Amino acid sequence: MQGPDDLYEVAAMFPFEKLLSPKTKFRIDATTKDNLTDSRYATYRLKDAIFDRFRAQGLELPEADREEPEVLFYLRSRTDHVKLFLALHPQPLQRRGHGREGGEAPLRETLAQALLRFSGWKVGEKLYDPFCGSGTLLIEAALRMRNGGWVNYKSLSRSSIFTRLFGPCKAKEEWESKGEVLLFGSDISEEAIALAKKNAKEAGVADLIQWTVASAEEPSEDFEFKQGKIVTNPPYGVRIGDRESASELYASWGESLKKNFQGSYISIVAGDPSLLGYLKLKSDKEQSVTIAKLKGKLVAYQID
């Protein structure tokens, strides 16, 4: 396309009425350059095309709404190429469609899923997070157990666009706890555990997770998790505490792992890889990762 008018002409030929019902609220998120030099004007021309398309069809118009859209379009351009994307949900899918309150240094859902995949954890295996915080990692694991593994089931089941394109979002199956809990979370903070319980309830997975207020370095003798996958995001002295206290924590936690969890496989996300030496464990595999602009690592260990 050579300019905004070309965008209008092409967009006006697209059957937007198949995606937008009358009075449906939509938003256009535009980032353009080169032949579409002004993102705001490009947005206006695209809106004009959509509205004129509806008028030509004799239909009641949809509504442009930046605050609470039901449908979200992404407009992007480079040189003379323009792309229009349709989001399956107006909110980021990582929000999962349920309320969640983060603690002091919450783990992003996408990173939690990456860490779970890196760890090799499978549905049906025991899993323990000794630094669970507000519970994101275990809730993400529980969501993989529910609804046939559709972690975005709540979001997509409420999406008018998903329903229009693919039909109703139907869960394949649900994992029933059957009295046996496979997911365990602990944290030294009572406030964090209370928040984790609240978040798990909001996500509809409260029955799948056992929460405990406890120190990662000193698990109680009657703690039900003895062996399995340990997956966690330990503090690294940036947003919580300082590096000196973090190094002491890693050292004492490493001793605890060797003493209490023989035969387990542990995977962690390290925001400060220099702290890993204090664990005094030999890594099984590593993968670089960026965490909030920090160069970190995903690291796994076999506890022999």
C-alpha atoms as a PDB file:
ATOM      1  CA  MET A   1       0.000   0.000   0.000  1.00  0.00           C
ATOM      2  CA  GLN A   2       1.207   3.480  -0.840  1.00  0.00           C
ATOM      3  CA  GLY A   3      -0.721   5.369   1.839  1.00  0.00           C
ATOM      4  CA  PRO A   4      -3.758   5.582   4.169  1.00  0.00           C
ATOM      5  CA  ASP A   5      -6.214   5.843   1.267  1.00  0.00           C
ATOM      6  CA  ASP A   6      -5.028   2.494  -0.088  1.00  0.00           C
ATOM      7  CA  LEU A   7      -5.589   1.037   3.373  1.00  0.00           C
ATOM      8  CA  TYR A   8      -9.153   2.384   3.327  1.00  0.00           C
ATOM      9  CA  GLU A   9      -9.921   0.959  -0.123  1.00  0.00           C
ATOM     10  CA  VAL A  10      -8.652  -2.534   0.641  1.00  0.00           C
ATOM     11  CA  ALA A  11     -10.179  -2.667   4.133  1.00  0.00           C
ATOM     12  CA  ALA A  12     -13.579  -1.544   2.832  1.00  0.00           C
ATOM     13  CA  MET A  13     -13.713  -4.714   0.698  1.00  0.00           C
ATOM     14  CA  PHE A  14     -13.203  -7.019   3.693  1.00  0.00           C
ATOM     15  CA  PRO A  15     -16.395  -8.540   5.215  1.00  0.00           C
ATOM     16  CA  PHE A  16     -15.971  -7.121   8.726  1.00  0.00           C
ATOM     17  CA  GLU A  17     -19.664  -7.856   9.338  1.00  0.00           C
ATOM     18  CA  LYS A  18     -18.666 -11.512   9.758  1.00  0.00           C
ATOM     19  CA  LEU A  19     -16.498 -10.552  12.739  1.00  0.00           C
ATOM     20  CA  LEU A  20     -18.358  -7.602  14.244  1.00  0.00           C
ATOM     21  CA  SER A  21     -22.022  -7.519  15.148  1.00  0.00           C
ATOM     22  CA  PRO A  22     -23.911  -4.221  15.328  1.00  0.00           C
ATOM     23  CA  LYS A  23     -22.917  -2.297  18.486  1.00  0.00           C
ATOM     24  CA  THR A  24     -19.981  -4.652  19.128  1.00  0.00           C
ATOM     25  CA  LYS A  25     -17.215  -2.673  20.803  1.00  0.00           C
ATOM     26  CA  PHE A  26     -13.855  -2.874  19.022  1.00  0.00           C
ATOM     27  CA  ARG A  27     -10.426  -1.279  19.271  1.00  0.00           C
ATOM     28  CA  ILE A  28      -7.565  -0.862  16.809  1.00  0.00           C
ATOM     29  CA  ASP A  29      -4.016  -0.984  18.157  1.00  0.00           C
ATOM     30  CA  ALA A  30      -1.863   0.608  15.441  1.00  0.00           C
ATOM     31  CA  THR A  31       1.919   0.803  15.130  1.00  0.00           C
ATOM     32  CA  THR A  32       2.810   1.891  11.622  1.00  0.00           C
ATOM     33  CA  LYS A  33       5.736   3.395   9.713  1.00  0.00           C
ATOM     34  CA  ASP A  34       7.111   3.946   6.215  1.00  0.00           C
ATOM     35  CA  ASN A  35       4.131   4.287   3.834  1.00  0.00           C
ATOM     36  CA  LEU A  36       1.770   4.689   6.789  1.00  0.00           C
ATOM     37  CA  THR A  37       3.730   7.407   8.569  1.00  0.00           C
ATOM     38  CA  ASP A  38       1.005   8.457  11.016  1.00  0.00           C
ATOM     39  CA  SER A  39      -0.374   5.584  13.134  1.00  0.00           C
ATOM     40  CA  ARG A  40      -3.274   7.694  14.402  1.00  0.00           C
ATOM     41  CA  TYR A  41      -4.399   8.681  10.902  1.00  0.00           C
ATOM     42  CA  ALA A  42      -4.050   5.078   9.711  1.00  0.00           C
ATOM     43  CA  THR A  43      -6.334   4.057  12.592  1.00  0.00           C
ATOM     44  CA  TYR A  44      -8.923   6.642  11.535  1.00  0.00           C
ATOM     45  CA  ARG A  45      -8.891   5.455   7.933  1.00  0.00           C
ATOM     46  CA  LEU A  46      -9.323   1.836   8.985  1.00  0.00           C
ATOM     47  CA  LYS A  47     -12.234   2.806  11.259  1.00  0.00           C
ATOM     48  CA  ASP A  48     -13.792   4.741   8.365  1.00  0.00           C
ATOM     49  CA  ALA A  49     -13.510   1.651   6.174  1.00  0.00           C
ATOM     50  CA  ILE A  50     -15.194  -0.551   8.768  1.00  0.00           C
ATOM     51  CA  PHE A  51     -18.039   1.901   9.393  1.00  0.00           C
ATOM     52  CA  ASP A  52     -18.586   2.564   5.671  1.00  0.00           C
ATOM     53  CA  ARG A  53     -18.661  -1.187   5.039  1.00  0.00           C
ATOM     54  CA  PHE A  54     -21.491  -1.547   7.551  1.00  0.00           C
ATOM     55  CA  ARG A  55     -23.348   1.429   6.085  1.00  0.00           C
ATOM     56  CA  ALA A  56     -23.060  -0.060   2.597  1.00  0.00           C
ATOM     57  CA  GLN A  57     -24.579  -3.287   3.915  1.00  0.00           C
ATOM     58  CA  GLY A  58     -27.398  -1.354   5.576  1.00  0.00           C
ATOM     59  CA  LEU A  59     -26.329  -2.606   9.020  1.00  0.00           C
ATOM     60  CA  GLU A  60     -26.263  -0.888  12.377  1.00  0.00           C
ATOM     61  CA  LEU A  61     -22.716   0.208  13.188  1.00  0.00           C
ATOM     62  CA  PRO A  62     -20.305  -1.368  15.682  1.00  0.00           C
ATOM     63  CA  GLU A  63     -18.740   0.928  18.290  1.00  0.00           C
ATOM     64  CA  ALA A  64     -15.119   2.039  18.630  1.00  0.00           C
ATOM     65  CA  ASP A  65     -14.133   1.676  22.305  1.00  0.00           C
ATOM     66  CA  ARG A  66     -10.565   1.954  23.597  1.00  0.00           C
ATOM     67  CA  GLU A  67     -11.349   1.102  27.227  1.00  0.00           C
ATOM     68  CA  GLU A  68     -13.408  -2.097  27.172  1.00  0.00           C
ATOM     69  CA  PRO A  69     -13.377  -3.585  23.656  1.00  0.00           C
ATOM     70  CA  GLU A  70     -14.925  -6.944  22.867  1.00  0.00           C
ATOM     71  CA  VAL A  71     -12.802  -7.290  19.725  1.00  0.00           C
ATOM     72  CA  LEU A  72      -9.200  -6.162  19.239  1.00  0.00           C
ATOM     73  CA  PHE A  73      -7.392  -5.566  15.942  1.00  0.00           C
ATOM     74  CA  TYR A  74      -3.640  -5.009  15.539  1.00  0.00           C
ATOM     75  CA  LEU A  75      -2.544  -2.859  12.588  1.00  0.00           C
ATOM     76  CA  ARG A  76       1.152  -3.064  11.637  1.00  0.00           C
ATOM     77  CA  SER A  77       3.056  -1.762   8.621  1.00  0.00           C
ATOM     78  CA  ARG A  78       6.551  -1.804   7.167  1.00  0.00           C
ATOM     79  CA  THR A  79       7.637  -0.336   3.811  1.00  0.00           C
ATOM     80  CA  ASP A  80       4.626  -0.896   1.518  1.00  0.00           C
ATOM     81  CA  HIS A  81       3.265  -3.933   3.401  1.00  0.00           C
ATOM     82  CA  VAL A  82       0.403  -3.635   5.865  1.00  0.00           C
ATOM     83  CA  LYS A  83      -0.902  -6.409   8.107  1.00  0.00           C
ATOM     84  CA  LEU A  84      -4.109  -6.525  10.128  1.00  0.00           C
ATOM     85  CA  PHE A  85      -4.264  -9.099  12.922  1.00  0.00           C
ATOM     86  CA  LEU A  86      -7.306 -10.224  14.878  1.00  0.00           C
ATOM     87  CA  ALA A  87      -6.805 -11.091  18.568  1.00  0.00           C
ATOM     88  CA  LEU A  88      -8.626 -14.156  19.852  1.00  0.00           C
ATOM     89  CA  HIS A  89      -9.340 -12.206  23.055  1.00  0.00           C
ATOM     90  CA  PRO A  90      -9.190  -8.457  23.803  1.00  0.00           C
ATOM     91  CA  GLN A  91      -7.099  -9.070  26.924  1.00  0.00           C
ATOM     92  CA  PRO A  92      -3.666 -10.773  26.937  1.00  0.00           C
ATOM     93  CA  LEU A  93      -4.229 -14.538  27.053  1.00  0.00           C
ATOM     94  CA  GLN A  94      -1.666 -14.876  29.854  1.00  0.00           C
ATOM     95  CA  ARG A  95      -4.286 -13.394  32.189  1.00  0.00           C
ATOM     96  CA  ARG A  96      -6.167 -16.663  31.677  1.00  0.00           C
ATOM     97  CA  GLY A  97      -9.602 -15.100  32.183  1.00  0.00           C
ATOM     98  CA  HIS A  98      -9.554 -15.151  35.984  1.00  0.00           C
ATOM     99  CA  GLY A  99      -8.593 -12.617  38.620  1.00  0.00           C
ATOM    100  CA  ARG A 100      -5.034 -12.817  39.938  1.00  0.00           C
ATOM    101  CA  GLU A 101      -3.198 -10.723  42.470  1.00  0.00           C
ATOM    102  CA  GLY A 102       0.595 -10.749  42.296  1.00  0.00           C
ATOM    103  CA  GLY A 103       2.840 -10.710  45.339  1.00  0.00           C
ATOM    104  CA  GLU A 104       6.086  -8.768  45.713  1.00  0.00           C
ATOM    105  CA  ALA A 105       7.821 -10.316  42.700  1.00  0.00           C
ATOM    106  CA  PRO A 106       5.235 -12.340  40.745  1.00  0.00           C
ATOM    107  CA  LEU A 107       6.268 -14.843  38.083  1.00  0.00           C
ATOM    108  CA  ARG A 108       4.696 -14.193  34.692  1.00  0.00           C
ATOM    109  CA  GLU A 109       2.374 -16.952  33.516  1.00  0.00           C
ATOM    110  CA  THR A 110       4.260 -17.362  30.242  1.00  0.00           C
ATOM    111  CA  LEU A 111       7.578 -17.848  32.050  1.00  0.00           C
ATOM    112  CA  ALA A 112       5.932 -20.276  34.467  1.00  0.00           C
ATOM    113  CA  GLN A 113       4.748 -22.421  31.556  1.00  0.00           C
ATOM    114  CA  ALA A 114       8.194 -22.246  29.944  1.00  0.00           C
ATOM    115  CA  LEU A 115       9.765 -23.443  33.204  1.00  0.00           C
ATOM    116  CA  LEU A 116       7.254 -26.284  33.549  1.00  0.00           C
ATOM    117  CA  ARG A 117       8.005 -27.433  30.021  1.00  0.00           C
ATOM    118  CA  PHE A 118      11.757 -27.126  30.619  1.00  0.00           C
ATOM    119  CA  SER A 119      11.419 -29.268  33.781  1.00  0.00           C
ATOM    120  CA  GLY A 120       9.769 -32.127  31.903  1.00  0.00           C
ATOM    121  CA  TRP A 121       6.852 -32.198  34.345  1.00  0.00           C
ATOM    122  CA  LYS A 122       3.840 -34.115  33.070  1.00  0.00           C
ATOM    123  CA  VAL A 123       0.244 -34.148  34.246  1.00  0.00           C
ATOM    124  CA  GLY A 124      -0.083 -36.891  36.851  1.00  0.00           C
ATOM    125  CA  GLU A 125       3.367 -36.334  38.374  1.00  0.00           C
ATOM    126  CA  LYS A 126       3.938 -34.820  41.804  1.00  0.00           C
ATOM    127  CA  LEU A 127       5.169 -31.237  41.736  1.00  0.00           C
ATOM    128  CA  TYR A 128       6.498 -28.983  44.500  1.00  0.00           C
ATOM    129  CA  ASP A 129       7.266 -25.244  44.516  1.00  0.00           C
ATOM    130  CA  PRO A 130       9.121 -24.301  47.742  1.00  0.00           C
ATOM    131  CA  PHE A 131       9.097 -20.555  46.948  1.00  0.00           C
ATOM    132  CA  CYS A 132       5.546 -20.395  45.630  1.00  0.00           C
ATOM    133  CA  GLY A 133       4.777 -16.739  46.402  1.00  0.00           C
ATOM    134  CA  SER A 134       1.340 -15.863  45.038  1.00  0.00           C
ATOM    135  CA  GLY A 135       1.087 -19.306  43.431  1.00  0.00           C
ATOM    136  CA  THR A 136       1.437 -18.606  39.707  1.00  0.00           C
ATOM    137  CA  LEU A 137       3.577 -21.626  38.825  1.00  0.00           C
ATOM    138  CA  LEU A 138       1.398 -24.197  40.594  1.00  0.00           C
ATOM    139  CA  ILE A 139      -1.800 -22.607  39.307  1.00  0.00           C
ATOM    140  CA  GLU A 140      -0.404 -22.829  35.774  1.00  0.00           C
ATOM    141  CA  ALA A 141       0.379 -26.512  36.375  1.00  0.00           C
ATOM    142  CA  ALA A 142      -3.128 -27.067  37.734  1.00  0.00           C
ATOM    143  CA  LEU A 143      -4.626 -25.390  34.660  1.00  0.00           C
ATOM    144  CA  ARG A 144      -2.782 -27.957  32.543  1.00  0.00           C
ATOM    145  CA  MET A 145      -4.574 -30.631  34.548  1.00  0.00           C
ATOM    146  CA  ARG A 146      -7.997 -29.052  34.106  1.00  0.00           C
ATOM    147  CA  ASN A 147     -10.101 -28.746  30.962  1.00  0.00           C
ATOM    148  CA  GLY A 148      -7.993 -31.159  28.949  1.00  0.00           C
ATOM    149  CA  GLY A 149      -4.921 -28.961  29.281  1.00  0.00           C
ATOM    150  CA  TRP A 150      -6.513 -25.800  27.864  1.00  0.00           C
ATOM    151  CA  VAL A 151      -4.829 -23.233  30.121  1.00  0.00           C
ATOM    152  CA  ASN A 152      -6.718 -20.455  28.296  1.00  0.00           C
ATOM    153  CA  TYR A 153     -10.097 -22.171  28.503  1.00  0.00           C
ATOM    154  CA  LYS A 154     -11.768 -19.413  30.558  1.00  0.00           C
ATOM    155  CA  SER A 155     -10.536 -16.650  28.253  1.00  0.00           C
ATOM    156  CA  LEU A 156     -11.450 -18.382  25.015  1.00  0.00           C
ATOM    157  CA  SER A 157     -14.817 -19.665  26.236  1.00  0.00           C
ATOM    158  CA  ARG A 158     -15.824 -16.025  26.795  1.00  0.00           C
ATOM    159  CA  SER A 159     -14.429 -14.752  23.495  1.00  0.00           C
ATOM    160  CA  SER A 160     -17.020 -13.864  20.870  1.00  0.00           C
ATOM    161  CA  ILE A 161     -14.318 -13.956  18.170  1.00  0.00           C
ATOM    162  CA  PHE A 162     -13.158 -17.461  19.110  1.00  0.00           C
ATOM    163  CA  THR A 163     -16.774 -18.665  19.088  1.00  0.00           C
ATOM    164  CA  ARG A 164     -17.462 -17.073  15.675  1.00  0.00           C
ATOM    165  CA  LEU A 165     -14.359 -18.611  14.113  1.00  0.00           C
ATOM    166  CA  PHE A 166     -14.185 -22.021  15.788  1.00  0.00           C
ATOM    167  CA  GLY A 167     -17.475 -22.611  17.569  1.00  0.00           C
ATOM    168  CA  PRO A 168     -17.966 -22.942  21.350  1.00  0.00           C
ATOM    169  CA  CYS A 169     -14.792 -23.594  23.333  1.00  0.00           C
ATOM    170  CA  LYS A 170     -15.432 -27.035  24.805  1.00  0.00           C
ATOM    171  CA  ALA A 171     -13.167 -28.623  27.377  1.00  0.00           C
ATOM    172  CA  LYS A 172     -12.172 -32.185  26.584  1.00  0.00           C
ATOM    173  CA  GLU A 173     -12.071 -33.442  30.147  1.00  0.00           C
ATOM    174  CA  GLU A 174     -11.394 -32.418  33.720  1.00  0.00           C
ATOM    175  CA  TRP A 175      -8.777 -33.819  36.055  1.00  0.00           C
ATOM    176  CA  GLU A 176     -10.448 -34.903  39.256  1.00  0.00           C
ATOM    177  CA  SER A 177      -8.319 -34.825  42.390  1.00  0.00           C
ATOM    178  CA  LYS A 178      -9.841 -38.124  43.665  1.00  0.00           C
ATOM    179  CA  GLY A 179      -8.579 -37.315  47.141  1.00  0.00           C
ATOM    180  CA  GLU A 180      -4.907 -37.345  46.073  1.00  0.00           C
ATOM    181  CA  VAL A 181      -3.122 -34.007  45.830  1.00  0.00           C
ATOM    182  CA  LEU A 182      -0.192 -33.909  43.405  1.00  0.00           C
ATOM    183  CA  LEU A 183       0.705 -30.217  43.560  1.00  0.00           C
ATOM    184  CA  PHE A 184       2.382 -28.722  46.637  1.00  0.00           C
ATOM    185  CA  GLY A 185       3.379 -25.158  47.393  1.00  0.00           C
ATOM    186  CA  SER A 186       5.115 -23.599  50.371  1.00  0.00           C
ATOM    187  CA  ASP A 187       6.357 -20.154  51.268  1.00  0.00           C
ATOM    188  CA  ILE A 188       7.734 -18.606  54.443  1.00  0.00           C
ATOM    189  CA  SER A 189       5.227 -15.740  54.130  1.00  0.00           C
ATOM    190  CA  GLU A 190       1.721 -16.253  55.513  1.00  0.00           C
ATOM    191  CA  GLU A 191       0.501 -13.347  53.363  1.00  0.00           C
ATOM    192  CA  ALA A 192       1.859 -14.998  50.218  1.00  0.00           C
ATOM    193  CA  ILE A 193       0.144 -18.304  51.002  1.00  0.00           C
ATOM    194  CA  ALA A 194      -3.148 -16.534  51.686  1.00  0.00           C
ATOM    195  CA  LEU A 195      -2.838 -14.792  48.317  1.00  0.00           C
ATOM    196  CA  ALA A 196      -1.940 -18.059  46.574  1.00  0.00           C
ATOM    197  CA  LYS A 197      -5.050 -19.742  47.996  1.00  0.00           C
ATOM    198  CA  LYS A 198      -7.199 -16.844  46.808  1.00  0.00           C
ATOM    199  CA  ASN A 199      -5.685 -16.944  43.309  1.00  0.00           C
ATOM    200  CA  ALA A 200      -6.134 -20.721  43.061  1.00  0.00           C
ATOM    201  CA  LYS A 201      -9.800 -20.362  44.009  1.00  0.00           C
ATOM    202  CA  GLU A 202     -10.319 -17.653  41.388  1.00  0.00           C
ATOM    203  CA  ALA A 203      -8.724 -19.945  38.786  1.00  0.00           C
ATOM    204  CA  GLY A 204     -10.973 -22.859  39.772  1.00  0.00           C
ATOM    205  CA  VAL A 205      -8.117 -25.160  40.810  1.00  0.00           C
ATOM    206  CA  ALA A 206      -8.116 -24.817  44.612  1.00  0.00           C
ATOM    207  CA  ASP A 207      -8.824 -28.536  45.094  1.00  0.00           C
ATOM    208  CA  LEU A 208      -5.689 -29.547  43.168  1.00  0.00           C
ATOM    209  CA  ILE A 209      -3.065 -27.754  45.279  1.00  0.00           C
ATOM    210  CA  GLN A 210      -1.904 -28.084  48.895  1.00  0.00           C
ATOM    211  CA  TRP A 211      -0.432 -24.894  50.371  1.00  0.00           C
ATOM    212  CA  THR A 212       1.829 -24.718  53.435  1.00  0.00           C
ATOM    213  CA  VAL A 213       3.497 -21.902  55.349  1.00  0.00           C
ATOM    214  CA  ALA A 214       7.047 -23.212  55.693  1.00  0.00           C
ATOM    215  CA  SER A 215      10.707 -22.471  55.064  1.00  0.00           C
ATOM    216  CA  ALA A 216      12.183 -24.000  51.906  1.00  0.00           C
ATOM    217  CA  GLU A 217      15.340 -24.894  53.853  1.00  0.00           C
ATOM    218  CA  GLU A 218      13.508 -26.683  56.676  1.00  0.00           C
ATOM    219  CA  PRO A 219      10.508 -28.714  55.435  1.00  0.00           C
ATOM    220  CA  SER A 220       8.511 -30.421  58.179  1.00  0.00           C
ATOM    221  CA  GLU A 221       9.011 -34.145  58.720  1.00  0.00           C
ATOM    222  CA  ASP A 222       5.374 -34.874  57.893  1.00  0.00           C
ATOM    223  CA  PHE A 223       5.461 -32.907  54.614  1.00  0.00           C
ATOM    224  CA  GLU A 224       3.662 -35.108  52.056  1.00  0.00           C
ATOM    225  CA  PHE A 225       5.967 -34.371  49.116  1.00  0.00           C
ATOM    226  CA  LYS A 226       9.080 -36.549  49.335  1.00  0.00           C
ATOM    227  CA  GLN A 227      10.106 -37.139  45.733  1.00  0.00           C
ATOM    228  CA  GLY A 228       9.149 -35.877  42.291  1.00  0.00           C
ATOM    229  CA  LYS A 229       9.607 -32.674  40.328  1.00  0.00           C
ATOM    230  CA  ILE A 230      10.632 -29.518  42.196  1.00  0.00           C
ATOM    231  CA  VAL A 231      10.075 -26.434  40.057  1.00  0.00           C
ATOM    232  CA  THR A 232      10.485 -22.927  41.427  1.00  0.00           C
ATOM    233  CA  ASN A 233      11.572 -19.305  41.116  1.00  0.00           C
ATOM    234  CA  PRO A 234      13.794 -18.628  44.171  1.00  0.00           C
ATOM    235  CA  PRO A 235      14.588 -15.051  45.281  1.00  0.00           C
ATOM    236  CA  TYR A 236      17.729 -13.546  43.750  1.00  0.00           C
ATOM    237  CA  GLY A 237      18.165 -10.345  45.725  1.00  0.00           C
ATOM    238  CA  VAL A 238      16.884  -7.844  43.172  1.00  0.00           C
ATOM    239  CA  ARG A 239      13.257  -7.121  43.996  1.00  0.00           C
ATOM    240  CA  ILE A 240      13.227  -9.008  47.300  1.00  0.00           C
ATOM    241  CA  GLY A 241      16.083  -8.868  49.827  1.00  0.00           C
ATOM    242  CA  ASP A 242      19.723  -8.398  48.841  1.00  0.00           C
ATOM    243  CA  ARG A 243      22.352 -10.518  47.120  1.00  0.00           C
ATOM    244  CA  GLU A 244      24.167 -11.460  50.344  1.00  0.00           C
ATOM    245  CA  SER A 245      21.035 -12.894  51.960  1.00  0.00           C
ATOM    246  CA  ALA A 246      20.172 -14.598  48.658  1.00  0.00           C
ATOM    247  CA  SER A 247      23.552 -16.345  48.550  1.00  0.00           C
ATOM    248  CA  GLU A 248      23.043 -17.618  52.111  1.00  0.00           C
ATOM    249  CA  LEU A 249      19.591 -18.858  51.164  1.00  0.00           C
ATOM    250  CA  TYR A 250      20.914 -20.737  48.121  1.00  0.00           C
ATOM    251  CA  ALA A 251      23.621 -22.404  50.206  1.00  0.00           C
ATOM    252  CA  SER A 252      21.276 -23.633  52.949  1.00  0.00           C
ATOM    253  CA  TRP A 253      18.582 -24.608  50.422  1.00  0.00           C
ATOM    254  CA  GLY A 254      21.090 -26.642  48.421  1.00  0.00           C
ATOM    255  CA  GLU A 255      21.966 -28.623  51.551  1.00  0.00           C
ATOM    256  CA  SER A 256      18.277 -29.157  52.276  1.00  0.00           C
ATOM    257  CA  LEU A 257      17.629 -30.466  48.768  1.00  0.00           C
ATOM    258  CA  LYS A 258      20.379 -33.079  49.091  1.00  0.00           C
ATOM    259  CA  LYS A 259      19.192 -34.076  52.559  1.00  0.00           C
ATOM    260  CA  ASN A 260      15.415 -34.177  52.113  1.00  0.00           C
ATOM    261  CA  PHE A 261      14.614 -34.760  48.437  1.00  0.00           C
ATOM    262  CA  GLN A 262      16.828 -37.581  47.188  1.00  0.00           C
ATOM    263  CA  GLY A 263      15.792 -38.797  43.746  1.00  0.00           C
ATOM    264  CA  SER A 264      13.942 -35.602  42.838  1.00  0.00           C
ATOM    265  CA  TYR A 265      14.506 -33.518  39.717  1.00  0.00           C
ATOM    266  CA  ILE A 266      14.687 -29.771  40.326  1.00  0.00           C
ATOM    267  CA  SER A 267      14.272 -26.980  37.781  1.00  0.00           C
ATOM    268  CA  ILE A 268      14.630 -23.298  38.638  1.00  0.00           C
ATOM    269  CA  VAL A 269      14.609 -19.944  36.926  1.00  0.00           C
ATOM    270  CA  ALA A 270      17.641 -17.947  38.063  1.00  0.00           C
ATOM    271  CA  GLY A 271      17.486 -14.170  37.710  1.00  0.00           C
ATOM    272  CA  ASP A 272      21.100 -14.003  38.904  1.00  0.00           C
ATOM    273  CA  PRO A 273      22.975 -17.069  37.552  1.00  0.00           C
ATOM    274  CA  SER A 274      26.030 -16.213  39.694  1.00  0.00           C
ATOM    275  CA  LEU A 275      24.057 -17.442  42.734  1.00  0.00           C
ATOM    276  CA  LEU A 276      23.757 -20.966  41.349  1.00  0.00           C
ATOM    277  CA  GLY A 277      27.234 -21.943  42.566  1.00  0.00           C
ATOM    278  CA  TYR A 278      26.041 -21.682  46.166  1.00  0.00           C
ATOM    279  CA  LEU A 279      23.698 -24.632  45.587  1.00  0.00           C
ATOM    280  CA  LYS A 280      26.730 -26.902  45.087  1.00  0.00           C
ATOM    281  CA  LEU A 281      24.840 -29.048  42.604  1.00  0.00           C
ATOM    282  CA  LYS A 282      25.879 -30.243  39.158  1.00  0.00           C
ATOM    283  CA  SER A 283      23.494 -28.987  36.489  1.00  0.00           C
ATOM    284  CA  ASP A 284      21.806 -31.456  34.154  1.00  0.00           C
ATOM    285  CA  LYS A 285      20.825 -28.850  31.543  1.00  0.00           C
ATOM    286  CA  GLU A 286      20.637 -25.072  31.127  1.00  0.00           C
ATOM    287  CA  GLN A 287      18.856 -22.558  28.917  1.00  0.00           C
ATOM    288  CA  SER A 288      19.319 -18.797  28.735  1.00  0.00           C
ATOM    289  CA  VAL A 289      16.250 -16.620  29.347  1.00  0.00           C
ATOM    290  CA  THR A 290      15.491 -12.908  29.704  1.00  0.00           C
ATOM    291  CA  ILE A 291      13.606 -11.975  32.876  1.00  0.00           C
ATOM    292  CA  ALA A 292      12.438  -8.362  33.107  1.00  0.00           C
ATOM    293  CA  LYS A 293      15.495  -7.249  31.068  1.00  0.00           C
ATOM    294  CA  LEU A 294      17.829  -9.407  33.200  1.00  0.00           C
ATOM    295  CA  LYS A 295      19.911 -12.131  31.560  1.00  0.00           C
ATOM    296  CA  GLY A 296      18.909 -15.226  33.497  1.00  0.00           C
ATOM    297  CA  LYS A 297      18.859 -18.985  33.109  1.00  0.00           C
ATOM    298  CA  LEU A 298      16.590 -21.982  33.369  1.00  0.00           C
ATOM    299  CA  VAL A 299      18.637 -24.671  35.110  1.00  0.00           C
ATOM    300  CA  ALA A 300      17.826 -28.278  36.029  1.00  0.00           C
ATOM    301  CA  TYR A 301      19.489 -30.638  38.523  1.00  0.00           C
ATOM    302  CA  GLN A 302      19.099 -34.308  39.420  1.00  0.00           C
ATOM    303  CA  ILE A 303      19.260 -34.774  43.205  1.00  0.00           C
ATOM    304  CA  ASP A 304      21.160 -38.056  43.741  1.00  0.00           C
END
